[in-house]
Amino acid sequence: MILYNVTTSIEPRIADEWVAYMREHHMAEVVGTGCFIKSSLLRLLNEEDNGITYAAQYFAVSLEQLEAYQEHFAPALREEMDRKFKGNYVSFRTVLEVVE
């Protein structure tokens, strides 16, 4: 199992709007690509001075599914995120293997 983790620091003044967008639209669209089997949204409890930090986690069965997402779907979904929130967030991505 592969975990694709997107950590985002968002401006506090739009955090509620961003969370609603993630829950109601973006995360469902990512899972809806067929490349992931489930997702979770988590909030970092250690607050930072310049933003509120969240981790969106997406679970794929294989690395090939993640690569298909990154090649075929991620660019358009990232553009949509920028149209709505550009300049108000910073994200970084990590890929992990679930060890059970």
PDB file of N, CA and C in Angstrom:
ATOM      1  N   MET A   1       0.860  -1.177   0.000  1.00  0.00           N
ATOM      2  CA  MET A   1       0.000   0.000   0.000  1.00  0.00           C
ATOM      3  C   MET A   1       0.901   1.232   0.000  1.00  0.00           C
ATOM      4  N   ILE A   2       0.540   2.205  -0.804  1.00  0.00           N
ATOM      5  CA  ILE A   2       1.299   3.444  -0.940  1.00  0.00           C
ATOM      6  C   ILE A   2       0.470   4.597  -0.371  1.00  0.00           C
ATOM      7  N   LEU A   3       1.117   5.417   0.449  1.00  0.00           N
ATOM      8  CA  LEU A   3       0.481   6.609   1.005  1.00  0.00           C
ATOM      9  C   LEU A   3       1.073   7.831   0.312  1.00  0.00           C
ATOM     10  N   TYR A   4       0.200   8.602  -0.312  1.00  0.00           N
ATOM     11  CA  TYR A   4       0.573   9.871  -0.934  1.00  0.00           C
ATOM     12  C   TYR A   4       0.081  10.950   0.011  1.00  0.00           C
ATOM     13  N   ASN A   5       1.009  11.655   0.634  1.00  0.00           N
ATOM     14  CA  ASN A   5       0.685  12.639   1.657  1.00  0.00           C
ATOM     15  C   ASN A   5       0.957  14.041   1.118  1.00  0.00           C
ATOM     16  N   VAL A   6      -0.046  14.903   1.189  1.00  0.00           N
ATOM     17  CA  VAL A   6       0.108  16.294   0.765  1.00  0.00           C
ATOM     18  C   VAL A   6      -0.079  17.164   2.001  1.00  0.00           C
ATOM     19  N   THR A   7       1.016  17.757   2.469  1.00  0.00           N
ATOM     20  CA  THR A   7       0.980  18.622   3.646  1.00  0.00           C
ATOM     21  C   THR A   7       0.842  20.057   3.171  1.00  0.00           C
ATOM     22  N   THR A   8      -0.138  20.766   3.737  1.00  0.00           N
ATOM     23  CA  THR A   8      -0.443  22.127   3.296  1.00  0.00           C
ATOM     24  C   THR A   8      -0.541  23.061   4.483  1.00  0.00           C
ATOM     25  N   SER A   9       0.142  24.193   4.393  1.00  0.00           N
ATOM     26  CA  SER A   9      -0.001  25.275   5.361  1.00  0.00           C
ATOM     27  C   SER A   9      -0.873  26.334   4.698  1.00  0.00           C
ATOM     28  N   ILE A  10      -1.980  26.659   5.353  1.00  0.00           N
ATOM     29  CA  ILE A  10      -2.977  27.552   4.760  1.00  0.00           C
ATOM     30  C   ILE A  10      -3.151  28.800   5.633  1.00  0.00           C
ATOM     31  N   GLU A  11      -3.381  29.924   5.011  1.00  0.00           N
ATOM     32  CA  GLU A  11      -3.629  31.165   5.750  1.00  0.00           C
ATOM     33  C   GLU A  11      -4.839  30.978   6.669  1.00  0.00           C
ATOM     34  N   PRO A  12      -4.725  31.351   7.942  1.00  0.00           N
ATOM     35  CA  PRO A  12      -5.836  31.144   8.883  1.00  0.00           C
ATOM     36  C   PRO A  12      -7.154  31.781   8.443  1.00  0.00           C
ATOM     37  N   ARG A  13      -7.105  32.922   7.766  1.00  0.00           N
ATOM     38  CA  ARG A  13      -8.343  33.623   7.399  1.00  0.00           C
ATOM     39  C   ARG A  13      -9.183  32.858   6.375  1.00  0.00           C
ATOM     40  N   ILE A  14      -8.580  31.934   5.636  1.00  0.00           N
ATOM     41  CA  ILE A  14      -9.355  31.161   4.656  1.00  0.00           C
ATOM     42  C   ILE A  14      -9.347  29.662   4.950  1.00  0.00           C
ATOM     43  N   ALA A  15      -8.862  29.290   6.128  1.00  0.00           N
ATOM     44  CA  ALA A  15      -8.732  27.862   6.462  1.00  0.00           C
ATOM     45  C   ALA A  15     -10.074  27.136   6.405  1.00  0.00           C
ATOM     46  N   ASP A  16     -11.130  27.728   6.935  1.00  0.00           N
ATOM     47  CA  ASP A  16     -12.439  27.064   6.921  1.00  0.00           C
ATOM     48  C   ASP A  16     -12.931  26.838   5.490  1.00  0.00           C
ATOM     49  N   GLU A  17     -12.741  27.830   4.639  1.00  0.00           N
ATOM     50  CA  GLU A  17     -13.139  27.701   3.232  1.00  0.00           C
ATOM     51  C   GLU A  17     -12.332  26.599   2.542  1.00  0.00           C
ATOM     52  N   TRP A  18     -11.032  26.553   2.825  1.00  0.00           N
ATOM     53  CA  TRP A  18     -10.158  25.538   2.223  1.00  0.00           C
ATOM     54  C   TRP A  18     -10.555  24.136   2.675  1.00  0.00           C
ATOM     55  N   VAL A  19     -10.805  23.975   3.979  1.00  0.00           N
ATOM     56  CA  VAL A  19     -11.209  22.662   4.507  1.00  0.00           C
ATOM     57  C   VAL A  19     -12.519  22.220   3.860  1.00  0.00           C
ATOM     58  N   ALA A  20     -13.479  23.117   3.744  1.00  0.00           N
ATOM     59  CA  ALA A  20     -14.758  22.773   3.110  1.00  0.00           C
ATOM     60  C   ALA A  20     -14.534  22.350   1.659  1.00  0.00           C
ATOM     61  N   TYR A  21     -13.698  23.079   0.944  1.00  0.00           N
ATOM     62  CA  TYR A  21     -13.396  22.727  -0.445  1.00  0.00           C
ATOM     63  C   TYR A  21     -12.739  21.349  -0.524  1.00  0.00           C
ATOM     64  N   MET A  22     -11.797  21.097   0.354  1.00  0.00           N
ATOM     65  CA  MET A  22     -11.119  19.794   0.356  1.00  0.00           C
ATOM     66  C   MET A  22     -12.120  18.672   0.606  1.00  0.00           C
ATOM     67  N   ARG A  23     -12.950  18.836   1.626  1.00  0.00           N
ATOM     68  CA  ARG A  23     -13.910  17.782   1.996  1.00  0.00           C
ATOM     69  C   ARG A  23     -14.986  17.584   0.939  1.00  0.00           C
ATOM     70  N   GLU A  24     -15.512  18.672   0.416  1.00  0.00           N
ATOM     71  CA  GLU A  24     -16.675  18.597  -0.467  1.00  0.00           C
ATOM     72  C   GLU A  24     -16.313  18.364  -1.935  1.00  0.00           C
ATOM     73  N   HIS A  25     -15.086  18.719  -2.327  1.00  0.00           N
ATOM     74  CA  HIS A  25     -14.744  18.639  -3.748  1.00  0.00           C
ATOM     75  C   HIS A  25     -13.424  17.916  -4.022  1.00  0.00           C
ATOM     76  N   HIS A  26     -12.337  18.546  -3.611  1.00  0.00           N
ATOM     77  CA  HIS A  26     -11.016  18.106  -4.070  1.00  0.00           C
ATOM     78  C   HIS A  26     -10.699  16.654  -3.729  1.00  0.00           C
ATOM     79  N   MET A  27     -10.879  16.267  -2.488  1.00  0.00           N
ATOM     80  CA  MET A  27     -10.501  14.905  -2.091  1.00  0.00           C
ATOM     81  C   MET A  27     -11.355  13.863  -2.809  1.00  0.00           C
ATOM     82  N   ALA A  28     -12.625  14.158  -2.996  1.00  0.00           N
ATOM     83  CA  ALA A  28     -13.500  13.235  -3.737  1.00  0.00           C
ATOM     84  C   ALA A  28     -13.061  13.135  -5.196  1.00  0.00           C
ATOM     85  N   GLU A  29     -12.625  14.252  -5.769  1.00  0.00           N
ATOM     86  CA  GLU A  29     -12.148  14.230  -7.153  1.00  0.00           C
ATOM     87  C   GLU A  29     -10.873  13.400  -7.275  1.00  0.00           C
ATOM     88  N   VAL A  30      -9.979  13.525  -6.298  1.00  0.00           N
ATOM     89  CA  VAL A  30      -8.735  12.748  -6.331  1.00  0.00           C
ATOM     90  C   VAL A  30      -9.046  11.255  -6.243  1.00  0.00           C
ATOM     91  N   VAL A  31      -9.869  10.861  -5.284  1.00  0.00           N
ATOM     92  CA  VAL A  31     -10.233   9.443  -5.150  1.00  0.00           C
ATOM     93  C   VAL A  31     -11.036   8.993  -6.372  1.00  0.00           C
ATOM     94  N   GLY A  32     -11.841   9.885  -6.914  1.00  0.00           N
ATOM     95  CA  GLY A  32     -12.656   9.571  -8.080  1.00  0.00           C
ATOM     96  C   GLY A  32     -11.865   9.288  -9.349  1.00  0.00           C
ATOM     97  N   THR A  33     -10.578   9.587  -9.352  1.00  0.00           N
ATOM     98  CA  THR A  33      -9.747   9.255 -10.513  1.00  0.00           C
ATOM     99  C   THR A  33      -9.563   7.751 -10.655  1.00  0.00           C
ATOM    100  N   GLY A  34      -9.848   7.007  -9.589  1.00  0.00           N
ATOM    101  CA  GLY A  34      -9.649   5.566  -9.607  1.00  0.00           C
ATOM    102  C   GLY A  34      -8.241   5.142  -9.234  1.00  0.00           C
ATOM    103  N   CYS A  35      -7.394   6.109  -8.925  1.00  0.00           N
ATOM    104  CA  CYS A  35      -6.001   5.804  -8.583  1.00  0.00           C
ATOM    105  C   CYS A  35      -5.800   5.542  -7.093  1.00  0.00           C
ATOM    106  N   PHE A  36      -6.778   5.910  -6.276  1.00  0.00           N
ATOM    107  CA  PHE A  36      -6.679   5.750  -4.825  1.00  0.00           C
ATOM    108  C   PHE A  36      -7.918   5.040  -4.304  1.00  0.00           C
ATOM    109  N   ILE A  37      -7.758   4.341  -3.175  1.00  0.00           N
ATOM    110  CA  ILE A  37      -8.887   3.608  -2.614  1.00  0.00           C
ATOM    111  C   ILE A  37      -9.550   4.328  -1.445  1.00  0.00           C
ATOM    112  N   LYS A  38      -8.830   5.269  -0.806  1.00  0.00           N
ATOM    113  CA  LYS A  38      -9.426   6.047   0.281  1.00  0.00           C
ATOM    114  C   LYS A  38      -8.562   7.264   0.554  1.00  0.00           C
ATOM    115  N   SER A  39      -9.128   8.185   1.357  1.00  0.00           N
ATOM    116  CA  SER A  39      -8.399   9.398   1.720  1.00  0.00           C
ATOM    117  C   SER A  39      -8.782   9.823   3.130  1.00  0.00           C
ATOM    118  N   SER A  40      -7.931  10.660   3.721  1.00  0.00           N
ATOM    119  CA  SER A  40      -8.179  11.228   5.047  1.00  0.00           C
ATOM    120  C   SER A  40      -7.624  12.641   5.069  1.00  0.00           C
ATOM    121  N   LEU A  41      -8.259  13.509   5.861  1.00  0.00           N
ATOM    122  CA  LEU A  41      -7.749  14.863   6.064  1.00  0.00           C
ATOM    123  C   LEU A  41      -7.458  15.023   7.545  1.00  0.00           C
ATOM    124  N   LEU A  42      -6.237  15.427   7.863  1.00  0.00           N
ATOM    125  CA  LEU A  42      -5.808  15.580   9.248  1.00  0.00           C
ATOM    126  C   LEU A  42      -5.310  16.999   9.475  1.00  0.00           C
ATOM    127  N   ARG A  43      -5.459  17.470  10.714  1.00  0.00           N
ATOM    128  CA  ARG A  43      -4.948  18.792  11.081  1.00  0.00           C
ATOM    129  C   ARG A  43      -3.790  18.613  12.051  1.00  0.00           C
ATOM    130  N   LEU A  44      -2.707  19.310  11.791  1.00  0.00           N
ATOM    131  CA  LEU A  44      -1.550  19.289  12.674  1.00  0.00           C
ATOM    132  C   LEU A  44      -1.898  20.054  13.948  1.00  0.00           C
ATOM    133  N   LEU A  45      -1.667  19.431  15.093  1.00  0.00           N
ATOM    134  CA  LEU A  45      -2.031  20.063  16.360  1.00  0.00           C
ATOM    135  C   LEU A  45      -1.033  21.126  16.798  1.00  0.00           C
ATOM    136  N   ASN A  46       0.193  21.038  16.349  1.00  0.00           N
ATOM    137  CA  ASN A  46       1.194  22.054  16.680  1.00  0.00           C
ATOM    138  C   ASN A  46       1.012  23.235  15.739  1.00  0.00           C
ATOM    139  N   GLU A  47       0.337  24.264  16.214  1.00  0.00           N
ATOM    140  CA  GLU A  47       0.060  25.442  15.383  1.00  0.00           C
ATOM    141  C   GLU A  47       1.351  26.190  15.071  1.00  0.00           C
ATOM    142  N   GLU A  48       1.404  26.766  13.894  1.00  0.00           N
ATOM    143  CA  GLU A  48       2.537  27.588  13.503  1.00  0.00           C
ATOM    144  C   GLU A  48       2.066  29.030  13.388  1.00  0.00           C
ATOM    145  N   ASP A  49       2.993  29.964  13.513  1.00  0.00           N
ATOM    146  CA  ASP A  49       2.650  31.384  13.498  1.00  0.00           C
ATOM    147  C   ASP A  49       2.067  31.849  12.172  1.00  0.00           C
ATOM    148  N   ASN A  50       2.500  31.249  11.078  1.00  0.00           N
ATOM    149  CA  ASN A  50       2.128  31.776   9.767  1.00  0.00           C
ATOM    150  C   ASN A  50       1.069  30.965   9.040  1.00  0.00           C
ATOM    151  N   GLY A  51       0.439  30.010   9.697  1.00  0.00           N
ATOM    152  CA  GLY A  51      -0.594  29.246   9.017  1.00  0.00           C
ATOM    153  C   GLY A  51      -1.074  28.059   9.821  1.00  0.00           C
ATOM    154  N   ILE A  52      -2.133  27.448   9.333  1.00  0.00           N
ATOM    155  CA  ILE A  52      -2.670  26.225   9.914  1.00  0.00           C
ATOM    156  C   ILE A  52      -2.269  25.101   8.965  1.00  0.00           C
ATOM    157  N   THR A  53      -1.763  24.017   9.517  1.00  0.00           N
ATOM    158  CA  THR A  53      -1.226  22.948   8.680  1.00  0.00           C
ATOM    159  C   THR A  53      -2.131  21.728   8.691  1.00  0.00           C
ATOM    160  N   TYR A  54      -2.370  21.202   7.496  1.00  0.00           N
ATOM    161  CA  TYR A  54      -3.187  20.005   7.299  1.00  0.00           C
ATOM    162  C   TYR A  54      -2.400  18.991   6.482  1.00  0.00           C
ATOM    163  N   ALA A  55      -2.775  17.731   6.629  1.00  0.00           N
ATOM    164  CA  ALA A  55      -2.216  16.666   5.795  1.00  0.00           C
ATOM    165  C   ALA A  55      -3.374  15.936   5.130  1.00  0.00           C
ATOM    166  N   ALA A  56      -3.390  15.951   3.813  1.00  0.00           N
ATOM    167  CA  ALA A  56      -4.356  15.162   3.045  1.00  0.00           C
ATOM    168  C   ALA A  56      -3.641  13.876   2.655  1.00  0.00           C
ATOM    169  N   GLN A  57      -4.224  12.747   3.041  1.00  0.00           N
ATOM    170  CA  GLN A  57      -3.594  11.460   2.780  1.00  0.00           C
ATOM    171  C   GLN A  57      -4.453  10.648   1.825  1.00  0.00           C
ATOM    172  N   TYR A  58      -3.790  10.108   0.823  1.00  0.00           N
ATOM    173  CA  TYR A  58      -4.459   9.310  -0.201  1.00  0.00           C
ATOM    174  C   TYR A  58      -3.751   7.959  -0.281  1.00  0.00           C
ATOM    175  N   PHE A  59      -4.524   6.885  -0.285  1.00  0.00           N
ATOM    176  CA  PHE A  59      -3.969   5.536  -0.264  1.00  0.00           C
ATOM    177  C   PHE A  59      -4.174   4.856  -1.612  1.00  0.00           C
ATOM    178  N   ALA A  60      -3.060   4.397  -2.192  1.00  0.00           N
ATOM    179  CA  ALA A  60      -3.078   3.685  -3.470  1.00  0.00           C
ATOM    180  C   ALA A  60      -2.603   2.252  -3.245  1.00  0.00           C
ATOM    181  N   VAL A  61      -3.108   1.346  -4.051  1.00  0.00           N
ATOM    182  CA  VAL A  61      -2.711  -0.056  -3.945  1.00  0.00           C
ATOM    183  C   VAL A  61      -1.280  -0.251  -4.438  1.00  0.00           C
ATOM    184  N   SER A  62      -0.863   0.545  -5.426  1.00  0.00           N
ATOM    185  CA  SER A  62       0.470   0.351  -6.001  1.00  0.00           C
ATOM    186  C   SER A  62       1.106   1.687  -6.375  1.00  0.00           C
ATOM    187  N   LEU A  63       2.406   1.657  -6.513  1.00  0.00           N
ATOM    188  CA  LEU A  63       3.142   2.831  -6.960  1.00  0.00           C
ATOM    189  C   LEU A  63       2.732   3.215  -8.379  1.00  0.00           C
ATOM    190  N   GLU A  64       2.385   2.229  -9.201  1.00  0.00           N
ATOM    191  CA  GLU A  64       1.943   2.500 -10.572  1.00  0.00           C
ATOM    192  C   GLU A  64       0.664   3.336 -10.585  1.00  0.00           C
ATOM    193  N   GLN A  65      -0.241   3.078  -9.655  1.00  0.00           N
ATOM    194  CA  GLN A  65      -1.468   3.880  -9.575  1.00  0.00           C
ATOM    195  C   GLN A  65      -1.146   5.325  -9.207  1.00  0.00           C
ATOM    196  N   LEU A  66      -0.239   5.509  -8.266  1.00  0.00           N
ATOM    197  CA  LEU A  66       0.174   6.861  -7.897  1.00  0.00           C
ATOM    198  C   LEU A  66       0.807   7.569  -9.089  1.00  0.00           C
ATOM    199  N   GLU A  67       1.675   6.882  -9.796  1.00  0.00           N
ATOM    200  CA  GLU A  67       2.323   7.482 -10.961  1.00  0.00           C
ATOM    201  C   GLU A  67       1.307   7.845 -12.042  1.00  0.00           C
ATOM    202  N   ALA A  68       0.293   7.021 -12.226  1.00  0.00           N
ATOM    203  CA  ALA A  68      -0.767   7.332 -13.191  1.00  0.00           C
ATOM    204  C   ALA A  68      -1.503   8.597 -12.764  1.00  0.00           C
ATOM    205  N   TYR A  69      -1.786   8.725 -11.470  1.00  0.00           N
ATOM    206  CA  TYR A  69      -2.436   9.937 -10.956  1.00  0.00           C
ATOM    207  C   TYR A  69      -1.568  11.165 -11.239  1.00  0.00           C
ATOM    208  N   GLN A  70      -0.297  11.071 -10.891  1.00  0.00           N
ATOM    209  CA  GLN A  70       0.601  12.210 -11.060  1.00  0.00           C
ATOM    210  C   GLN A  70       0.728  12.629 -12.524  1.00  0.00           C
ATOM    211  N   GLU A  71       0.701  11.673 -13.416  1.00  0.00           N
ATOM    212  CA  GLU A  71       0.853  11.979 -14.843  1.00  0.00           C
ATOM    213  C   GLU A  71      -0.433  12.487 -15.484  1.00  0.00           C
ATOM    214  N   HIS A  72      -1.552  11.854 -15.168  1.00  0.00           N
ATOM    215  CA  HIS A  72      -2.789  12.127 -15.905  1.00  0.00           C
ATOM    216  C   HIS A  72      -3.777  13.072 -15.213  1.00  0.00           C
ATOM    217  N   PHE A  73      -3.729  13.164 -13.890  1.00  0.00           N
ATOM    218  CA  PHE A  73      -4.768  13.911 -13.177  1.00  0.00           C
ATOM    219  C   PHE A  73      -4.250  15.066 -12.322  1.00  0.00           C
ATOM    220  N   ALA A  74      -3.086  14.907 -11.710  1.00  0.00           N
ATOM    221  CA  ALA A  74      -2.589  15.903 -10.756  1.00  0.00           C
ATOM    222  C   ALA A  74      -2.443  17.305 -11.341  1.00  0.00           C
ATOM    223  N   PRO A  75      -1.909  17.473 -12.548  1.00  0.00           N
ATOM    224  CA  PRO A  75      -1.730  18.842 -13.047  1.00  0.00           C
ATOM    225  C   PRO A  75      -3.029  19.660 -13.081  1.00  0.00           C
ATOM    226  N   ALA A  76      -4.103  19.086 -13.562  1.00  0.00           N
ATOM    227  CA  ALA A  76      -5.375  19.826 -13.641  1.00  0.00           C
ATOM    228  C   ALA A  76      -5.936  20.109 -12.254  1.00  0.00           C
ATOM    229  N   LEU A  77      -5.821  19.158 -11.342  1.00  0.00           N
ATOM    230  CA  LEU A  77      -6.339  19.367  -9.988  1.00  0.00           C
ATOM    231  C   LEU A  77      -5.516  20.418  -9.242  1.00  0.00           C
ATOM    232  N   ARG A  78      -4.221  20.457  -9.478  1.00  0.00           N
ATOM    233  CA  ARG A  78      -3.379  21.491  -8.853  1.00  0.00           C
ATOM    234  C   ARG A  78      -3.706  22.868  -9.420  1.00  0.00           C
ATOM    235  N   GLU A  79      -3.968  22.939 -10.714  1.00  0.00           N
ATOM    236  CA  GLU A  79      -4.365  24.217 -11.325  1.00  0.00           C
ATOM    237  C   GLU A  79      -5.656  24.729 -10.714  1.00  0.00           C
ATOM    238  N   GLU A  80      -6.605  23.828 -10.508  1.00  0.00           N
ATOM    239  CA  GLU A  80      -7.873  24.226  -9.890  1.00  0.00           C
ATOM    240  C   GLU A  80      -7.644  24.758  -8.482  1.00  0.00           C
ATOM    241  N   MET A  81      -6.781  24.105  -7.721  1.00  0.00           N
ATOM    242  CA  MET A  81      -6.462  24.566  -6.368  1.00  0.00           C
ATOM    243  C   MET A  81      -5.840  25.958  -6.420  1.00  0.00           C
ATOM    244  N   ASP A  82      -4.937  26.183  -7.363  1.00  0.00           N
ATOM    245  CA  ASP A  82      -4.317  27.498  -7.507  1.00  0.00           C
ATOM    246  C   ASP A  82      -5.331  28.570  -7.890  1.00  0.00           C
ATOM    247  N   ARG A  83      -6.278  28.238  -8.740  1.00  0.00           N
ATOM    248  CA  ARG A  83      -7.304  29.226  -9.117  1.00  0.00           C
ATOM    249  C   ARG A  83      -8.086  29.688  -7.896  1.00  0.00           C
ATOM    250  N   LYS A  84      -8.326  28.803  -6.967  1.00  0.00           N
ATOM    251  CA  LYS A  84      -9.136  29.143  -5.803  1.00  0.00           C
ATOM    252  C   LYS A  84      -8.326  29.756  -4.663  1.00  0.00           C
ATOM    253  N   PHE A  85      -7.084  29.306  -4.476  1.00  0.00           N
ATOM    254  CA  PHE A  85      -6.357  29.663  -3.255  1.00  0.00           C
ATOM    255  C   PHE A  85      -4.933  30.165  -3.480  1.00  0.00           C
ATOM    256  N   LYS A  86      -4.560  30.484  -4.695  1.00  0.00           N
ATOM    257  CA  LYS A  86      -3.183  30.878  -5.009  1.00  0.00           C
ATOM    258  C   LYS A  86      -2.692  31.992  -4.083  1.00  0.00           C
ATOM    259  N   GLY A  87      -1.470  31.825  -3.595  1.00  0.00           N
ATOM    260  CA  GLY A  87      -0.867  32.820  -2.718  1.00  0.00           C
ATOM    261  C   GLY A  87      -1.262  32.685  -1.265  1.00  0.00           C
ATOM    262  N   ASN A  88      -2.178  31.772  -0.961  1.00  0.00           N
ATOM    263  CA  ASN A  88      -2.665  31.604   0.408  1.00  0.00           C
ATOM    264  C   ASN A  88      -2.306  30.255   1.013  1.00  0.00           C
ATOM    265  N   TYR A  89      -1.505  29.490   0.313  1.00  0.00           N
ATOM    266  CA  TYR A  89      -1.111  28.179   0.836  1.00  0.00           C
ATOM    267  C   TYR A  89       0.239  27.768   0.266  1.00  0.00           C
ATOM    268  N   VAL A  90       0.867  26.851   0.983  1.00  0.00           N
ATOM    269  CA  VAL A  90       2.099  26.220   0.524  1.00  0.00           C
ATOM    270  C   VAL A  90       1.941  24.732   0.796  1.00  0.00           C
ATOM    271  N   SER A  91       2.252  23.898  -0.203  1.00  0.00           N
ATOM    272  CA  SER A  91       2.125  22.445  -0.047  1.00  0.00           C
ATOM    273  C   SER A  91       3.434  21.753  -0.380  1.00  0.00           C
ATOM    274  N   PHE A  92       3.643  20.621   0.261  1.00  0.00           N
ATOM    275  CA  PHE A  92       4.704  19.717  -0.166  1.00  0.00           C
ATOM    276  C   PHE A  92       4.172  18.299  -0.099  1.00  0.00           C
ATOM    277  N   ARG A  93       4.733  17.454  -0.917  1.00  0.00           N
ATOM    278  CA  ARG A  93       4.221  16.093  -1.086  1.00  0.00           C
ATOM    279  C   ARG A  93       5.275  15.064  -0.704  1.00  0.00           C
ATOM    280  N   THR A  94       4.812  13.984  -0.070  1.00  0.00           N
ATOM    281  CA  THR A  94       5.686  12.865   0.254  1.00  0.00           C
ATOM    282  C   THR A  94       4.989  11.572  -0.142  1.00  0.00           C
ATOM    283  N   VAL A  95       5.784  10.593  -0.505  1.00  0.00           N
ATOM    284  CA  VAL A  95       5.272   9.272  -0.865  1.00  0.00           C
ATOM    285  C   VAL A  95       5.873   8.284   0.125  1.00  0.00           C
ATOM    286  N   LEU A  96       4.997   7.495   0.753  1.00  0.00           N
ATOM    287  CA  LEU A  96       5.438   6.532   1.754  1.00  0.00           C
ATOM    288  C   LEU A  96       4.865   5.162   1.450  1.00  0.00           C
ATOM    289  N   GLU A  97       5.553   4.151   1.897  1.00  0.00           N
ATOM    290  CA  GLU A  97       5.047   2.788   1.788  1.00  0.00           C
ATOM    291  C   GLU A  97       4.512   2.372   3.150  1.00  0.00           C
ATOM    292  N   VAL A  98       3.295   1.856   3.184  1.00  0.00           N
ATOM    293  CA  VAL A  98       2.704   1.377   4.431  1.00  0.00           C
ATOM    294  C   VAL A  98       3.361   0.043   4.777  1.00  0.00           C
ATOM    295  N   VAL A  99       3.904  -0.034   5.984  1.00  0.00           N
ATOM    296  CA  VAL A  99       4.541  -1.258   6.468  1.00  0.00           C
ATOM    297  C   VAL A  99       3.646  -1.831   7.556  1.00  0.00           C
ATOM    298  N   GLU A 100       3.120  -3.018   7.307  1.00  0.00           N
ATOM    299  CA  GLU A 100       2.195  -3.611   8.281  1.00  0.00           C
ATOM    300  C   GLU A 100       2.801  -4.811   8.939  1.00  0.00           C
TER     301      GLU A 100
END
